[in-house]
Amino acid sequence: MREILMGSLLLGFGLFSTNFALDARPTKSRSLHSTKEWEHSSLQLAIKESIQYLEKLPPETKFQIQGETYTPSEILHPLQRIQKRMVSQRESEIQKELRKEFQEVELKTGEELPHITGYYEVRIQGRTKPKGRFVYPALVPPKQNSNSIDSKSYPREYWKEESNWKSFSHPIVFLTLTDLHLAQLEGSALIQTETKETFRINYAADNGLDYMSPSLHLTGVCPSLKPYHLSQCMETNPKEVTDAILKNPRYIFFEKEILQIRKPNSIPIGPLGSGGIRLVKERSVAMDKQVPLGFPVLVSFQTTKQTYHDHLAFVHDRGNAIQGEGRVDFYLGNETGIDEVANHLSTKGKVVLLVPRKKGLPKGSSDSM
């Protein structure tokens, strides 16, 4: 689950071993053919994630889109038909099939094109026990205390003290304050400890309070107010940065995920998005709650590295700040250098939601919300 608009810095990345289980960075030697195969495999994985999510929904679930009501089966059946054809079809052919099964709904706010940003999964260092700067715990969701107040609702300031959390929660790992802040902003992180153990922490719960950016209190203090530069500012202004982060009342709890060893050049296992959906690099997006999870979208925009035109992705995530019609946060993975791409991605683009065709609707029709 996303918490902010932009990605965060891959802090301490150089300290990770090169055979880290989820390190699926593409190499320069990868051929065009193998790249196409990788992209096709990622598309297959993304549609599988959507289907698995939709299959778990109660049959009576209703989706309201542009005045029409849809059920899970109405989106499931065409996706399942597309999935069967994917084995032998190229993406261009798959998109033709999609347009036969789905109606195109372009998302806009008046005449304004939607805002598109990028996010990715951070890699950070942790410690098994508090030591030095590594004294801030990534906590599991707390057990309900004996009082009538739900313990999860306490603000961030409360959770920094061991005397407060030790009775009904426990730490997964200890992080620096800026790294914990980044992990909570992104909703997940890849961790390596001093024992060389590597694992992921995924969003598990939150305290229900609204996010307040530390930048509100650091104007004129830090050269850059972007979240991934806070660690640099912390070195010269530790008190100011610490106070600013702790003033953010929102707090995220995590669950630990053991990483699986995977084959070289295989699709990396992404973090969990909303609804337990696995995020897939360049195939998963976070969108406003008005857009149902699992639905396919076509996005067109440009990054510093490439141009996406009618690129097929799926709504697999939400975000505390991902609000508005057509607003998209594009998941870019966790490979080397992707932080620069994500942190500079803030543009306008075209976003087309694909919704199941109702009987009697002409196949060539499209609309806008």
Protein backbone atom coordinates (compact mmCIF):
# COMPACT_ATOMS: atom_id res chain seq x y z
CA MET A 1 0.00 0.00 0.00
CA ARG A 2 1.41 3.35 -1.02
CA GLU A 3 1.69 6.30 1.34
CA ILE A 4 3.08 9.12 -0.83
CA LEU A 5 3.35 10.28 -4.40
CA MET A 6 7.02 9.78 -5.16
CA GLY A 7 9.57 7.01 -4.70
CA SER A 8 12.40 7.07 -2.17
CA LEU A 9 16.17 6.79 -2.26
CA LEU A 10 17.78 3.33 -2.30
CA LEU A 11 19.71 4.04 0.87
CA GLY A 12 22.69 1.83 1.61
CA PHE A 13 22.23 -0.08 -1.64
CA GLY A 14 25.93 -0.64 -2.13
CA LEU A 15 26.04 -2.70 1.06
CA PHE A 16 23.79 -5.40 -0.36
CA SER A 17 25.37 -8.53 -1.79
CA THR A 18 25.11 -8.93 -5.53
CA ASN A 19 23.28 -12.25 -5.22
CA PHE A 20 20.45 -10.73 -3.19
CA ALA A 21 17.38 -12.89 -3.84
CA LEU A 22 15.15 -10.24 -5.36
CA ASP A 23 17.82 -8.43 -7.36
CA ALA A 24 16.36 -8.85 -10.85
CA ARG A 25 18.24 -6.03 -12.50
CA PRO A 26 18.43 -6.34 -16.31
CA THR A 27 21.93 -6.58 -17.79
CA LYS A 28 23.27 -4.89 -20.89
CA SER A 29 23.84 -8.26 -22.47
CA ARG A 30 20.17 -9.18 -22.41
CA SER A 31 18.99 -9.59 -25.99
CA LEU A 32 15.93 -7.90 -27.44
CA HIS A 33 14.32 -11.33 -27.72
CA SER A 34 14.89 -12.17 -24.05
CA THR A 35 13.68 -8.71 -23.03
CA LYS A 36 10.43 -9.26 -24.92
CA GLU A 37 10.05 -12.65 -23.26
CA TRP A 38 10.61 -11.05 -19.85
CA GLU A 39 8.02 -8.35 -20.57
CA HIS A 40 5.52 -10.95 -21.75
CA SER A 41 6.11 -13.04 -18.63
CA SER A 42 5.55 -9.98 -16.43
CA LEU A 43 2.25 -9.34 -18.20
CA GLN A 44 1.20 -12.93 -17.61
CA LEU A 45 2.09 -12.61 -13.94
CA ALA A 46 0.20 -9.31 -13.58
CA ILE A 47 -3.02 -10.64 -15.11
CA LYS A 48 -2.71 -13.73 -12.91
CA GLU A 49 -2.51 -11.49 -9.82
CA SER A 50 -5.65 -9.62 -10.89
CA ILE A 51 -7.54 -12.84 -11.52
CA GLN A 52 -6.54 -14.35 -8.18
CA TYR A 53 -7.68 -11.22 -6.36
CA LEU A 54 -11.02 -11.04 -8.16
CA GLU A 55 -11.67 -14.75 -7.59
CA LYS A 56 -11.50 -14.16 -3.81
CA LEU A 57 -14.20 -11.48 -3.82
CA PRO A 58 -17.73 -12.38 -2.73
CA PRO A 59 -19.95 -12.95 -5.81
CA GLU A 60 -22.35 -10.24 -4.61
CA THR A 61 -19.59 -7.55 -4.76
CA LYS A 62 -20.60 -4.57 -6.92
CA PHE A 63 -18.38 -2.15 -8.84
CA GLN A 64 -19.83 1.21 -9.86
CA ILE A 65 -18.16 2.74 -12.93
CA GLN A 66 -19.66 5.57 -14.97
CA GLY A 67 -23.19 4.77 -13.87
CA GLU A 68 -22.84 1.06 -14.67
CA THR A 69 -22.72 -1.75 -12.13
CA TYR A 70 -20.36 -4.67 -12.58
CA THR A 71 -19.86 -7.91 -10.66
CA PRO A 72 -16.58 -9.81 -10.16
CA SER A 73 -17.63 -12.45 -12.69
CA GLU A 74 -18.14 -9.81 -15.39
CA ILE A 75 -14.50 -8.74 -15.13
CA LEU A 76 -13.15 -12.20 -14.33
CA HIS A 77 -14.47 -14.07 -17.35
CA PRO A 78 -12.94 -11.81 -20.02
CA LEU A 79 -9.65 -11.66 -18.12
CA GLN A 80 -9.57 -15.44 -17.92
CA ARG A 81 -10.22 -15.70 -21.66
CA ILE A 82 -7.39 -13.26 -22.33
CA GLN A 83 -5.11 -15.19 -19.98
CA LYS A 84 -5.61 -18.40 -21.96
CA ARG A 85 -4.66 -16.66 -25.21
CA MET A 86 -1.53 -15.07 -23.78
CA VAL A 87 0.57 -18.19 -24.14
CA SER A 88 0.77 -17.88 -27.91
CA GLN A 89 0.04 -14.19 -28.55
CA ARG A 90 2.19 -11.08 -28.60
CA GLU A 91 1.19 -8.06 -26.55
CA SER A 92 -0.10 -6.19 -29.59
CA GLU A 93 -2.43 -9.11 -30.32
CA ILE A 94 -3.45 -9.30 -26.67
CA GLN A 95 -4.45 -5.64 -26.74
CA LYS A 96 -6.64 -6.28 -29.78
CA GLU A 97 -8.39 -9.03 -27.85
CA LEU A 98 -8.75 -6.73 -24.84
CA ARG A 99 -10.49 -4.10 -26.96
CA LYS A 100 -12.99 -6.73 -28.09
CA GLU A 101 -13.75 -7.72 -24.51
CA PHE A 102 -13.55 -4.31 -22.84
CA GLN A 103 -14.85 -0.80 -23.30
CA GLU A 104 -12.29 2.03 -23.15
CA VAL A 105 -13.00 4.79 -20.64
CA GLU A 106 -10.49 7.65 -20.76
CA LEU A 107 -10.02 9.23 -17.34
CA LYS A 108 -9.74 13.02 -17.12
CA THR A 109 -10.59 15.86 -14.79
CA GLY A 110 -12.35 18.24 -17.14
CA GLU A 111 -9.84 18.83 -19.93
CA GLU A 112 -6.85 18.07 -17.71
CA LEU A 113 -4.80 14.95 -18.36
CA PRO A 114 -4.12 12.81 -15.27
CA HIS A 115 -1.00 13.22 -13.14
CA ILE A 116 1.41 10.25 -13.32
CA THR A 117 4.24 9.56 -10.89
CA GLY A 118 6.46 6.56 -10.19
CA TYR A 119 7.33 4.52 -7.13
CA TYR A 120 9.61 1.63 -6.29
CA GLU A 121 10.76 -0.59 -3.46
CA VAL A 122 13.53 0.72 -1.21
CA ARG A 123 16.51 -1.30 0.03
CA ILE A 124 17.82 -0.46 3.46
CA GLN A 125 20.08 -1.76 6.21
CA GLY A 126 18.74 -2.97 9.54
CA ARG A 127 19.89 -4.43 12.83
CA THR A 128 18.55 -7.35 14.83
CA LYS A 129 19.07 -5.38 18.07
CA PRO A 130 19.07 -1.62 18.71
CA LYS A 131 22.51 -0.11 18.28
CA GLY A 132 23.81 3.33 17.39
CA ARG A 133 21.46 5.01 14.91
CA PHE A 134 19.49 1.76 14.46
CA VAL A 135 17.07 2.19 17.34
CA TYR A 136 13.71 2.67 15.60
CA PRO A 137 11.71 -0.57 15.36
CA ALA A 138 9.64 -1.72 12.41
CA LEU A 139 6.74 -3.07 14.46
CA VAL A 140 4.14 -5.76 13.78
CA PRO A 141 0.48 -4.73 14.27
CA PRO A 142 -0.20 -4.45 18.01
CA LYS A 143 -2.55 -6.67 19.92
CA GLN A 144 -5.63 -4.99 21.36
CA ASN A 145 -4.84 -3.69 24.83
CA SER A 146 -7.10 -4.00 27.83
CA ASN A 147 -8.43 -0.46 27.45
CA SER A 148 -11.35 0.47 25.23
CA ILE A 149 -9.03 2.45 22.90
CA ASP A 150 -7.62 0.53 19.95
CA SER A 151 -3.87 0.54 20.49
CA LYS A 152 -3.20 0.89 16.76
CA SER A 153 -4.73 4.38 16.82
CA TYR A 154 -1.93 5.95 18.84
CA PRO A 155 0.20 8.52 16.93
CA ARG A 156 3.81 8.05 15.80
CA GLU A 157 5.27 9.76 18.87
CA TYR A 158 3.86 6.97 21.04
CA TRP A 159 5.54 4.14 19.13
CA LYS A 160 9.11 5.41 19.48
CA GLU A 161 9.28 4.33 23.14
CA GLU A 162 9.92 0.66 23.95
CA SER A 163 8.03 1.05 27.22
CA ASN A 164 4.91 1.79 25.14
CA TRP A 165 5.07 -0.91 22.48
CA LYS A 166 6.72 -3.86 24.24
CA SER A 167 3.49 -4.95 25.96
CA PHE A 168 1.47 -5.57 22.80
CA SER A 169 3.81 -5.51 19.80
CA HIS A 170 7.31 -6.61 18.85
CA PRO A 171 9.98 -5.41 16.41
CA ILE A 172 10.80 -7.16 13.15
CA VAL A 173 14.04 -5.19 12.76
CA PHE A 174 15.61 -1.95 13.98
CA LEU A 175 16.19 0.86 11.46
CA THR A 176 17.45 4.41 11.37
CA LEU A 177 14.70 6.99 11.69
CA THR A 178 14.97 8.20 8.09
CA ASP A 179 14.95 4.62 6.75
CA LEU A 180 11.89 3.72 8.82
CA HIS A 181 10.24 6.86 7.48
CA LEU A 182 11.02 5.81 3.89
CA ALA A 183 9.81 2.24 4.43
CA GLN A 184 6.56 3.53 5.88
CA LEU A 185 6.11 5.97 3.01
CA GLU A 186 6.58 3.24 0.41
CA GLY A 187 4.67 0.57 2.31
CA SER A 188 7.46 -2.01 1.98
CA ALA A 189 11.23 -2.37 1.94
CA LEU A 190 13.93 -4.94 1.30
CA ILE A 191 16.08 -5.32 4.42
CA GLN A 192 19.54 -6.73 5.04
CA THR A 193 20.80 -7.04 8.62
CA GLU A 194 24.31 -7.21 10.07
CA THR A 195 23.93 -11.03 10.03
CA LYS A 196 23.46 -10.90 6.22
CA GLU A 197 19.85 -12.06 6.55
CA THR A 198 17.68 -10.58 3.81
CA PHE A 199 13.91 -10.26 3.94
CA ARG A 200 11.06 -7.94 3.07
CA ILE A 201 8.76 -5.98 5.32
CA ASN A 202 5.27 -5.41 3.92
CA TYR A 203 2.50 -3.04 4.97
CA ALA A 204 0.25 -4.80 7.49
CA ALA A 205 -1.79 -2.04 9.16
CA ASP A 206 -1.82 1.65 10.07
CA ASN A 207 -3.07 3.83 12.88
CA GLY A 208 -5.71 5.53 10.73
CA LEU A 209 -4.23 9.02 11.07
CA ASP A 210 -3.46 11.31 8.13
CA TYR A 211 0.07 11.66 6.78
CA MET A 212 1.91 14.93 7.47
CA SER A 213 5.04 15.52 5.44
CA PRO A 214 8.19 16.39 7.41
CA SER A 215 8.92 18.97 4.71
CA LEU A 216 6.31 21.23 6.32
CA HIS A 217 8.72 21.77 9.21
CA LEU A 218 12.02 21.74 7.30
CA THR A 219 11.67 24.69 4.93
CA GLY A 220 14.90 26.64 5.12
CA VAL A 221 16.59 23.83 7.08
CA CYS A 222 17.22 21.17 4.41
CA PRO A 223 18.57 22.01 0.93
CA SER A 224 16.05 19.55 -0.52
CA LEU A 225 12.65 18.74 0.95
CA LYS A 226 12.23 15.49 -0.99
CA PRO A 227 11.82 12.48 1.33
CA TYR A 228 14.75 10.57 -0.14
CA HIS A 229 17.14 13.43 0.81
CA LEU A 230 16.23 13.41 4.51
CA SER A 231 19.12 11.12 5.42
CA GLN A 232 21.59 13.68 4.07
CA CYS A 233 19.91 16.52 5.98
CA MET A 234 19.87 14.35 9.11
CA GLU A 235 23.69 14.40 9.17
CA THR A 236 23.83 18.18 9.53
CA ASN A 237 20.49 18.87 11.24
CA PRO A 238 19.69 15.78 13.33
CA LYS A 239 17.38 17.44 15.84
CA GLU A 240 15.34 19.33 13.26
CA VAL A 241 14.86 16.28 10.99
CA THR A 242 14.06 13.99 13.91
CA ASP A 243 11.46 16.39 15.27
CA ALA A 244 9.91 16.88 11.81
CA ILE A 245 9.54 13.13 11.18
CA LEU A 246 8.08 12.48 14.64
CA LYS A 247 5.48 15.21 14.12
CA ASN A 248 3.92 13.07 11.37
CA PRO A 249 1.14 11.29 13.31
CA ARG A 250 0.61 8.50 10.77
CA TYR A 251 2.28 5.20 11.62
CA ILE A 252 2.60 2.03 9.54
CA PHE A 253 2.96 -1.48 10.94
CA PHE A 254 4.64 -4.28 8.99
CA GLU A 255 4.75 -8.01 8.54
CA LYS A 256 7.92 -9.92 7.70
CA GLU A 257 8.24 -11.92 4.50
CA ILE A 258 11.00 -14.48 3.99
CA LEU A 259 12.47 -14.21 0.50
CA GLN A 260 12.59 -17.14 -1.85
CA ILE A 261 15.63 -17.98 -3.95
CA ARG A 262 14.78 -17.50 -7.60
CA LYS A 263 16.37 -18.36 -10.91
CA PRO A 264 18.46 -15.78 -12.82
CA ASN A 265 16.43 -13.51 -15.16
CA SER A 266 13.15 -14.72 -13.67
CA ILE A 267 10.42 -12.26 -12.74
CA PRO A 268 11.16 -10.79 -9.28
CA ILE A 269 8.62 -11.38 -6.54
CA GLY A 270 7.31 -7.92 -5.80
CA PRO A 271 5.98 -6.50 -2.55
CA LEU A 272 2.35 -6.79 -1.56
CA GLY A 273 0.04 -4.07 -2.81
CA SER A 274 -3.56 -3.59 -1.71
CA GLY A 275 -5.82 -6.58 -1.26
CA GLY A 276 -2.81 -8.90 -0.98
CA ILE A 277 -1.97 -8.40 -4.68
CA ARG A 278 1.69 -8.85 -5.64
CA LEU A 279 3.10 -5.86 -7.46
CA VAL A 280 4.72 -6.54 -10.82
CA LYS A 281 7.36 -4.22 -12.23
CA GLU A 282 5.90 -1.88 -14.89
CA ARG A 283 2.59 -3.79 -14.83
CA SER A 284 1.12 -2.63 -11.50
CA VAL A 285 -0.25 0.82 -10.71
CA ALA A 286 -1.72 2.52 -7.66
CA MET A 287 -4.93 4.45 -8.30
CA ASP A 288 -7.76 6.19 -6.46
CA LYS A 289 -10.26 4.03 -4.56
CA GLN A 290 -12.94 4.90 -7.09
CA VAL A 291 -11.13 2.62 -9.59
CA PRO A 292 -11.63 -1.05 -8.62
CA LEU A 293 -8.62 -3.20 -7.83
CA GLY A 294 -7.75 -5.79 -10.46
CA PHE A 295 -9.02 -3.80 -13.45
CA PRO A 296 -6.77 -3.29 -16.51
CA VAL A 297 -5.65 0.15 -17.66
CA LEU A 298 -3.72 1.51 -20.64
CA VAL A 299 -1.23 4.24 -19.72
CA SER A 300 0.74 6.57 -21.99
CA PHE A 301 3.56 8.76 -20.63
CA GLN A 302 7.30 9.32 -20.80
CA THR A 303 10.09 8.77 -18.23
CA THR A 304 13.74 9.77 -18.40
CA LYS A 305 14.48 6.34 -19.87
CA GLN A 306 11.59 5.36 -22.10
CA THR A 307 8.17 6.14 -23.51
CA TYR A 308 5.10 4.09 -22.68
CA HIS A 309 2.31 4.13 -25.26
CA ASP A 310 -0.96 2.33 -24.47
CA HIS A 311 1.04 0.27 -22.01
CA LEU A 312 -1.07 -2.43 -20.39
CA ALA A 313 -1.05 -2.41 -16.57
CA PHE A 314 -3.40 -3.37 -13.75
CA VAL A 315 -4.76 -1.58 -10.70
CA HIS A 316 -2.97 -3.41 -7.91
CA ASP A 317 -2.43 -0.77 -5.25
CA ARG A 318 -3.76 2.24 -3.36
CA GLY A 319 -2.07 5.19 -1.69
CA ASN A 320 -2.87 7.69 1.01
CA ALA A 321 -2.07 10.50 -1.45
CA ILE A 322 -3.12 8.77 -4.68
CA GLN A 323 -6.38 10.62 -5.15
CA GLY A 324 -8.27 11.95 -8.13
CA GLU A 325 -9.72 10.73 -11.37
CA GLY A 326 -7.06 9.04 -13.45
CA ARG A 327 -4.29 9.70 -10.91
CA VAL A 328 -1.62 6.99 -11.38
CA ASP A 329 1.46 5.92 -9.43
CA PHE A 330 3.43 3.54 -11.65
CA TYR A 331 5.38 0.74 -9.94
CA LEU A 332 8.93 0.59 -11.35
CA GLY A 333 10.43 -2.32 -9.41
CA ASN A 334 13.55 -2.35 -7.24
CA GLU A 335 16.53 -2.60 -9.57
CA THR A 336 19.67 -0.47 -9.56
CA GLY A 337 19.14 3.12 -10.69
CA ILE A 338 15.36 2.97 -10.69
CA ASP A 339 15.27 5.50 -7.85
CA GLU A 340 16.41 8.25 -10.22
CA VAL A 341 13.71 7.34 -12.73
CA ALA A 342 10.97 7.22 -10.07
CA ASN A 343 12.06 10.37 -8.30
CA HIS A 344 12.00 12.38 -11.53
CA LEU A 345 8.75 10.93 -12.84
CA SER A 346 6.04 13.56 -12.42
CA THR A 347 4.16 14.20 -15.62
CA LYS A 348 0.81 14.35 -17.35
CA GLY A 349 -0.28 11.37 -19.40
CA LYS A 350 -3.14 9.44 -20.89
CA VAL A 351 -4.95 6.89 -18.72
CA VAL A 352 -7.61 4.59 -20.16
CA LEU A 353 -9.59 2.32 -17.86
CA LEU A 354 -10.80 -0.92 -19.45
CA VAL A 355 -14.23 -2.02 -18.24
CA PRO A 356 -16.21 -5.10 -19.31
CA ARG A 357 -18.53 -4.54 -22.25
CA LYS A 358 -22.19 -4.74 -21.49
CA LYS A 359 -24.33 -6.75 -23.88
CA GLY A 360 -25.60 -4.68 -26.76
CA LEU A 361 -22.79 -2.08 -26.50
CA PRO A 362 -21.03 -1.54 -29.86
CA LYS A 363 -17.42 -2.82 -29.81
CA GLY A 364 -16.02 0.36 -31.26
CA SER A 365 -17.44 2.68 -28.61
CA SER A 366 -15.44 4.45 -25.94
CA ASP A 367 -16.13 7.19 -23.45
CA SER A 368 -14.55 9.35 -20.80
CA MET A 369 -15.37 9.78 -17.13
